[in-house]
N, C-alpha and C. Protein backbone atom coordinates (compact mmCIF):
# COMPACT_ATOMS: atom_id res chain seq x y z
N MET A 1 85.96 168.16 75.39
CA MET A 1 85.88 169.60 75.30
C MET A 1 85.30 169.96 73.95
N ALA A 2 84.35 170.87 73.96
CA ALA A 2 83.71 171.30 72.72
C ALA A 2 83.92 172.79 72.55
N LEU A 3 85.00 173.16 71.87
CA LEU A 3 85.30 174.55 71.59
C LEU A 3 84.96 174.81 70.14
N VAL A 4 84.24 175.90 69.87
CA VAL A 4 83.82 176.23 68.52
C VAL A 4 84.17 177.68 68.22
N ILE A 5 84.77 177.90 67.05
CA ILE A 5 85.01 179.27 66.58
C ILE A 5 83.71 179.73 65.94
N ARG A 6 83.13 180.80 66.46
CA ARG A 6 81.82 181.29 66.00
C ARG A 6 81.92 182.37 64.94
N SER A 7 82.93 183.23 65.02
CA SER A 7 83.07 184.27 64.00
C SER A 7 84.49 184.82 64.01
N MET A 8 84.86 185.41 62.86
CA MET A 8 86.15 186.05 62.71
C MET A 8 85.92 187.39 62.03
N HIS A 9 86.63 188.41 62.50
CA HIS A 9 86.46 189.75 61.96
C HIS A 9 87.82 190.38 61.71
N ALA A 10 88.12 190.68 60.46
CA ALA A 10 89.39 191.33 60.11
C ALA A 10 89.25 192.84 60.26
N ALA A 11 90.37 193.48 60.54
CA ALA A 11 90.40 194.94 60.65
C ALA A 11 90.37 195.57 59.26
N SER A 12 89.95 196.83 59.20
CA SER A 12 89.91 197.54 57.92
C SER A 12 91.31 197.83 57.38
N LYS A 13 92.29 197.95 58.29
CA LYS A 13 93.69 198.18 57.92
C LYS A 13 94.55 197.24 58.77
N PRO A 14 95.65 196.70 58.22
CA PRO A 14 96.48 195.75 58.97
C PRO A 14 97.02 196.27 60.30
N GLU A 15 97.27 197.57 60.40
CA GLU A 15 97.83 198.11 61.64
C GLU A 15 96.79 198.27 62.76
N LEU A 16 95.51 198.13 62.46
CA LEU A 16 94.44 198.29 63.46
C LEU A 16 94.14 196.95 64.12
N LEU A 17 95.10 196.45 64.88
CA LEU A 17 94.99 195.12 65.48
C LEU A 17 93.87 194.99 66.50
N ASN A 18 93.48 196.09 67.12
CA ASN A 18 92.38 196.03 68.10
C ASN A 18 91.01 195.93 67.43
N GLU A 19 90.98 196.03 66.11
CA GLU A 19 89.73 195.90 65.37
C GLU A 19 89.62 194.53 64.69
N GLU A 20 90.55 193.64 65.01
CA GLU A 20 90.52 192.27 64.49
C GLU A 20 90.26 191.33 65.66
N TRP A 21 89.31 190.40 65.48
CA TRP A 21 89.01 189.48 66.56
C TRP A 21 88.44 188.16 66.07
N ILE A 22 88.45 187.20 67.00
CA ILE A 22 87.88 185.86 66.80
C ILE A 22 87.00 185.58 68.01
N VAL A 23 85.78 185.11 67.76
CA VAL A 23 84.87 184.76 68.86
C VAL A 23 84.85 183.24 68.97
N VAL A 24 85.11 182.73 70.18
CA VAL A 24 85.05 181.30 70.45
C VAL A 24 84.00 181.04 71.52
N GLU A 25 83.42 179.83 71.47
CA GLU A 25 82.37 179.46 72.42
C GLU A 25 82.65 178.08 72.98
N ASN A 26 82.38 177.91 74.27
CA ASN A 26 82.43 176.61 74.92
C ASN A 26 81.05 175.99 74.78
N THR A 27 80.91 175.01 73.91
CA THR A 27 79.62 174.35 73.70
C THR A 27 79.47 173.08 74.53
N GLY A 28 80.49 172.76 75.31
CA GLY A 28 80.45 171.56 76.14
C GLY A 28 79.71 171.77 77.44
N PRO A 29 79.56 170.71 78.22
CA PRO A 29 78.81 170.79 79.47
C PRO A 29 79.61 171.32 80.66
N GLY A 30 80.93 171.35 80.55
CA GLY A 30 81.76 171.76 81.68
C GLY A 30 82.53 173.03 81.44
N VAL A 31 83.30 173.42 82.44
CA VAL A 31 84.14 174.61 82.38
C VAL A 31 85.39 174.30 81.58
N VAL A 32 85.85 175.30 80.79
CA VAL A 32 87.06 175.17 79.98
C VAL A 32 88.04 176.26 80.41
N THR A 33 89.29 175.88 80.60
CA THR A 33 90.35 176.84 80.93
C THR A 33 91.33 176.85 79.77
N SER A 34 91.68 178.05 79.30
CA SER A 34 92.52 178.17 78.10
C SER A 34 94.02 178.24 78.38
N ALA A 35 94.43 178.19 79.62
CA ALA A 35 95.86 178.28 79.93
C ALA A 35 96.62 177.18 79.17
N GLY A 36 97.61 177.59 78.40
CA GLY A 36 98.42 176.65 77.63
C GLY A 36 97.96 176.40 76.21
N TRP A 37 96.80 176.93 75.83
CA TRP A 37 96.38 176.77 74.44
C TRP A 37 97.34 177.53 73.54
N SER A 38 97.51 177.04 72.33
CA SER A 38 98.30 177.75 71.32
C SER A 38 97.38 178.18 70.20
N LEU A 39 97.68 179.33 69.62
CA LEU A 39 96.96 179.84 68.46
C LEU A 39 97.85 179.65 67.25
N GLY A 40 97.32 179.00 66.22
CA GLY A 40 98.08 178.77 65.00
C GLY A 40 97.33 179.24 63.78
N VAL A 41 98.08 179.59 62.73
CA VAL A 41 97.49 180.00 61.46
C VAL A 41 98.24 179.31 60.33
N ALA A 42 97.49 178.69 59.44
CA ALA A 42 98.06 178.06 58.24
C ALA A 42 97.61 178.83 57.01
N ARG A 43 98.40 178.80 55.98
CA ARG A 43 98.07 179.51 54.74
C ARG A 43 96.84 178.94 54.04
N GLY A 44 96.56 177.66 54.25
CA GLY A 44 95.41 177.03 53.62
C GLY A 44 95.23 175.63 54.16
N LYS A 45 94.19 174.95 53.68
CA LYS A 45 93.91 173.58 54.12
C LYS A 45 95.09 172.69 53.78
N GLY A 46 95.38 171.77 54.68
CA GLY A 46 96.46 170.83 54.46
C GLY A 46 97.84 171.36 54.80
N GLN A 47 97.94 172.64 55.10
CA GLN A 47 99.22 173.25 55.47
C GLN A 47 99.42 173.14 56.98
N ARG A 48 100.65 173.04 57.39
CA ARG A 48 100.96 173.00 58.81
C ARG A 48 100.84 174.41 59.38
N PRO A 49 100.16 174.57 60.54
CA PRO A 49 99.99 175.91 61.10
C PRO A 49 101.28 176.45 61.71
N SER A 50 101.46 177.76 61.58
CA SER A 50 102.53 178.46 62.28
C SER A 50 101.95 178.91 63.62
N LEU A 51 102.61 178.55 64.70
CA LEU A 51 102.11 178.92 66.01
C LEU A 51 102.44 180.37 66.29
N LEU A 52 101.43 181.14 66.67
CA LEU A 52 101.61 182.56 66.94
C LEU A 52 101.88 182.84 68.41
N GLY A 53 101.59 181.89 69.26
CA GLY A 53 101.83 182.08 70.68
C GLY A 53 100.85 181.30 71.53
N ALA A 54 101.12 181.32 72.83
CA ALA A 54 100.27 180.63 73.79
C ALA A 54 99.39 181.63 74.52
N LEU A 55 98.23 181.19 74.92
CA LEU A 55 97.33 182.03 75.69
C LEU A 55 97.72 181.91 77.17
N GLN A 56 98.44 182.90 77.64
CA GLN A 56 98.90 182.93 79.03
C GLN A 56 98.57 184.28 79.62
N PRO A 57 97.96 184.40 80.70
CA PRO A 57 97.57 183.36 81.63
C PRO A 57 96.32 182.60 81.22
N GLY A 58 95.63 183.08 80.21
CA GLY A 58 94.44 182.39 79.73
C GLY A 58 93.17 182.92 80.39
N PHE A 59 92.08 182.23 80.14
CA PHE A 59 90.77 182.63 80.65
C PHE A 59 89.97 181.37 80.92
N THR A 60 88.84 181.53 81.56
CA THR A 60 87.94 180.42 81.86
C THR A 60 86.61 180.70 81.19
N LEU A 61 86.06 179.67 80.54
CA LEU A 61 84.74 179.77 79.91
C LEU A 61 83.80 178.77 80.56
N GLN A 62 82.68 179.25 81.04
CA GLN A 62 81.64 178.38 81.55
C GLN A 62 80.92 177.73 80.37
N ALA A 63 80.15 176.70 80.61
CA ALA A 63 79.37 176.04 79.56
C ALA A 63 78.48 177.06 78.87
N GLY A 64 78.54 177.11 77.54
CA GLY A 64 77.72 178.03 76.76
C GLY A 64 78.25 179.45 76.67
N GLU A 65 79.36 179.75 77.31
CA GLU A 65 79.90 181.11 77.31
C GLU A 65 80.79 181.35 76.09
N LYS A 66 80.80 182.61 75.62
CA LYS A 66 81.63 183.04 74.50
C LYS A 66 82.63 184.08 74.97
N ILE A 67 83.73 184.21 74.21
CA ILE A 67 84.71 185.25 74.47
C ILE A 67 85.26 185.75 73.14
N ARG A 68 85.59 187.04 73.09
CA ARG A 68 86.14 187.66 71.88
C ARG A 68 87.66 187.81 72.08
N LEU A 69 88.45 187.15 71.23
CA LEU A 69 89.90 187.23 71.29
C LEU A 69 90.34 188.34 70.34
N VAL A 70 90.79 189.46 70.90
CA VAL A 70 91.20 190.63 70.13
C VAL A 70 92.69 190.54 69.89
N THR A 71 93.13 190.74 68.65
CA THR A 71 94.52 190.54 68.27
C THR A 71 95.48 191.50 68.96
N GLY A 72 95.12 192.75 69.12
CA GLY A 72 96.05 193.78 69.57
C GLY A 72 96.21 193.96 71.06
N THR A 73 96.77 195.12 71.40
CA THR A 73 97.06 195.52 72.77
C THR A 73 96.12 196.67 73.15
N PRO A 74 95.34 196.55 74.22
CA PRO A 74 94.33 197.57 74.52
C PRO A 74 94.89 198.96 74.77
N SER A 75 96.09 199.07 75.29
CA SER A 75 96.65 200.39 75.63
C SER A 75 97.28 201.11 74.43
N LYS A 76 97.43 200.44 73.30
CA LYS A 76 98.04 201.07 72.13
C LYS A 76 96.97 201.68 71.24
N LYS A 77 96.84 203.01 71.33
CA LYS A 77 95.81 203.73 70.57
C LYS A 77 96.05 203.64 69.07
N ALA A 78 97.30 203.49 68.63
CA ALA A 78 97.61 203.37 67.20
C ALA A 78 97.04 202.09 66.60
N GLN A 79 96.70 201.12 67.45
CA GLN A 79 96.13 199.85 66.97
C GLN A 79 94.61 199.90 66.87
N GLY A 80 94.03 201.06 67.05
CA GLY A 80 92.59 201.20 66.92
C GLY A 80 91.88 200.98 68.23
N THR A 81 90.56 201.05 68.16
CA THR A 81 89.72 200.91 69.35
C THR A 81 89.14 199.50 69.41
N PRO A 82 89.37 198.79 70.50
CA PRO A 82 88.76 197.46 70.61
C PRO A 82 87.25 197.57 70.77
N PRO A 83 86.53 196.54 70.37
CA PRO A 83 85.07 196.58 70.54
C PRO A 83 84.72 196.58 72.02
N PRO A 84 83.64 197.25 72.39
CA PRO A 84 83.25 197.25 73.81
C PRO A 84 82.77 195.87 74.24
N ALA A 85 83.07 195.53 75.49
CA ALA A 85 82.55 194.27 76.04
C ALA A 85 81.03 194.37 76.09
N GLU A 86 80.37 193.27 75.83
CA GLU A 86 78.91 193.22 75.82
C GLU A 86 78.44 192.22 76.85
N GLU A 87 77.16 192.21 77.09
CA GLU A 87 76.56 191.21 77.97
C GLU A 87 76.83 189.83 77.37
N GLY A 88 77.54 188.99 78.08
CA GLY A 88 77.82 187.64 77.61
C GLY A 88 78.97 187.54 76.62
N LEU A 89 79.67 188.64 76.36
CA LEU A 89 80.81 188.59 75.42
C LEU A 89 81.87 189.59 75.87
N ARG A 90 82.88 189.08 76.56
CA ARG A 90 83.97 189.95 77.02
C ARG A 90 85.16 189.82 76.09
N ASN A 91 86.12 190.71 76.23
CA ASN A 91 87.32 190.73 75.39
C ASN A 91 88.50 190.11 76.13
N TYR A 92 89.34 189.39 75.37
CA TYR A 92 90.62 188.89 75.85
C TYR A 92 91.64 189.30 74.80
N HIS A 93 92.62 190.12 75.17
CA HIS A 93 93.60 190.63 74.22
C HIS A 93 94.78 189.67 74.08
N LEU A 94 95.20 189.45 72.83
CA LEU A 94 96.29 188.52 72.53
C LEU A 94 97.66 189.18 72.52
N PHE A 95 97.72 190.51 72.43
CA PHE A 95 98.98 191.27 72.43
C PHE A 95 99.91 190.85 71.29
N LEU A 96 99.35 190.58 70.12
CA LEU A 96 100.16 190.20 68.96
C LEU A 96 100.62 191.45 68.21
N LYS A 97 101.65 191.29 67.38
CA LYS A 97 102.23 192.43 66.66
C LYS A 97 101.85 192.46 65.18
N ALA A 98 101.12 191.44 64.72
CA ALA A 98 100.72 191.37 63.32
C ALA A 98 99.32 190.75 63.25
N PRO A 99 98.59 191.03 62.18
CA PRO A 99 97.24 190.47 62.06
C PRO A 99 97.26 188.95 61.94
N VAL A 100 96.24 188.32 62.48
CA VAL A 100 96.04 186.88 62.35
C VAL A 100 95.31 186.59 61.05
N LEU A 101 94.33 187.43 60.71
CA LEU A 101 93.48 187.23 59.54
C LEU A 101 94.00 188.07 58.38
N ALA A 102 95.20 187.76 57.93
CA ALA A 102 95.87 188.55 56.90
C ALA A 102 95.35 188.27 55.50
N ARG A 103 94.82 187.07 55.26
CA ARG A 103 94.36 186.74 53.90
C ARG A 103 93.20 185.75 53.93
N ALA A 104 92.39 185.81 52.91
CA ALA A 104 91.28 184.86 52.77
C ALA A 104 91.85 183.46 52.63
N GLY A 105 91.19 182.49 53.22
CA GLY A 105 91.63 181.10 53.15
C GLY A 105 92.57 180.69 54.27
N ALA A 106 92.96 181.64 55.12
CA ALA A 106 93.82 181.29 56.26
C ALA A 106 93.04 180.39 57.21
N VAL A 107 93.70 179.36 57.70
CA VAL A 107 93.07 178.42 58.63
C VAL A 107 93.57 178.73 60.04
N VAL A 108 92.65 179.16 60.88
CA VAL A 108 92.96 179.51 62.27
C VAL A 108 92.61 178.30 63.14
N SER A 109 93.53 177.96 64.05
CA SER A 109 93.28 176.82 64.92
C SER A 109 93.79 177.07 66.33
N PHE A 110 93.17 176.37 67.27
CA PHE A 110 93.60 176.39 68.66
C PHE A 110 94.00 174.97 69.03
N GLN A 111 95.17 174.84 69.68
CA GLN A 111 95.66 173.53 70.08
C GLN A 111 96.03 173.54 71.56
N LEU A 112 95.98 172.37 72.15
CA LEU A 112 96.52 172.15 73.48
C LEU A 112 97.52 171.02 73.32
N LYS A 113 98.79 171.37 73.38
CA LYS A 113 99.90 170.45 73.07
C LYS A 113 99.70 169.98 71.63
N GLN A 114 99.50 168.70 71.38
CA GLN A 114 99.34 168.20 70.02
C GLN A 114 97.87 167.99 69.64
N HIS A 115 96.96 168.32 70.53
CA HIS A 115 95.53 168.09 70.30
C HIS A 115 94.86 169.35 69.77
N GLU A 116 94.23 169.26 68.59
CA GLU A 116 93.51 170.40 68.02
C GLU A 116 92.16 170.54 68.71
N LEU A 117 91.88 171.77 69.18
CA LEU A 117 90.63 172.03 69.89
C LEU A 117 89.55 172.61 68.99
N ALA A 118 89.94 173.48 68.06
CA ALA A 118 88.97 174.11 67.15
C ALA A 118 89.73 174.62 65.93
N ARG A 119 89.00 174.70 64.81
CA ARG A 119 89.61 175.18 63.56
C ARG A 119 88.53 175.81 62.70
N ALA A 120 88.91 176.87 61.98
CA ALA A 120 88.00 177.52 61.03
C ALA A 120 88.82 178.20 59.94
N THR A 121 88.21 178.31 58.76
CA THR A 121 88.86 178.95 57.62
C THR A 121 88.28 180.35 57.43
N PHE A 122 89.16 181.34 57.35
CA PHE A 122 88.75 182.73 57.22
C PHE A 122 88.23 183.01 55.82
N ALA A 123 87.03 183.60 55.75
CA ALA A 123 86.40 184.02 54.51
C ALA A 123 85.83 185.41 54.73
N PRO A 124 86.57 186.46 54.35
CA PRO A 124 86.15 187.83 54.68
C PRO A 124 84.80 188.24 54.13
N ASP A 125 84.33 187.62 53.07
CA ASP A 125 83.05 188.00 52.47
C ASP A 125 81.85 187.30 53.11
N ALA A 126 82.10 186.29 53.94
CA ALA A 126 81.01 185.58 54.61
C ALA A 126 80.48 186.41 55.78
N PRO A 127 79.19 186.28 56.13
CA PRO A 127 78.62 187.07 57.21
C PRO A 127 79.35 186.92 58.55
N ASP A 128 79.79 185.71 58.87
CA ASP A 128 80.49 185.48 60.14
C ASP A 128 82.01 185.43 59.96
N GLY A 129 82.47 185.69 58.74
CA GLY A 129 83.91 185.71 58.46
C GLY A 129 84.53 184.34 58.31
N MET A 130 83.69 183.31 58.20
CA MET A 130 84.20 181.95 58.10
C MET A 130 83.62 181.22 56.90
N GLN A 131 84.44 180.35 56.35
CA GLN A 131 84.03 179.52 55.23
C GLN A 131 83.15 178.41 55.76
N ALA A 132 82.00 178.20 55.14
CA ALA A 132 81.12 177.11 55.53
C ALA A 132 81.74 175.80 55.09
N SER A 133 81.77 174.83 56.00
CA SER A 133 82.37 173.55 55.69
C SER A 133 81.72 172.48 56.53
N ALA A 134 81.35 171.38 55.91
CA ALA A 134 80.73 170.28 56.65
C ALA A 134 81.75 169.55 57.51
N ALA A 135 82.93 169.34 56.98
CA ALA A 135 83.97 168.62 57.74
C ALA A 135 85.31 169.29 57.49
N GLU A 136 85.79 169.98 58.49
CA GLU A 136 87.11 170.62 58.37
C GLU A 136 88.12 169.87 59.12
């Protein structure tokens, strides 16, 4: 499975959870189903991630397809307006109660049981919101 985090976008205010998202892409040749994946965040490299929850019921990504994981709940107007779905980029809401991208240097990862699927370090000043790294 080849899952890649393509971009991360923090909200302008911590309470605007629908304005925070992570874009992931299936770069592999087959279909990927996210049921059972866990989302984790660590304070920095080398730190153990805190699991924020499982993606249930999950979604399916075809080869080459991307999806935007929005932190908040779509029906809660106080959490801001989620970005509109675009051609080739739909939204999947995580229904979390706190921001994932709370600080620069946070390491966001997706796991399936004990196997890490993808990882990226948040860098708010970078164009795609991620720290460039040859080997993470």
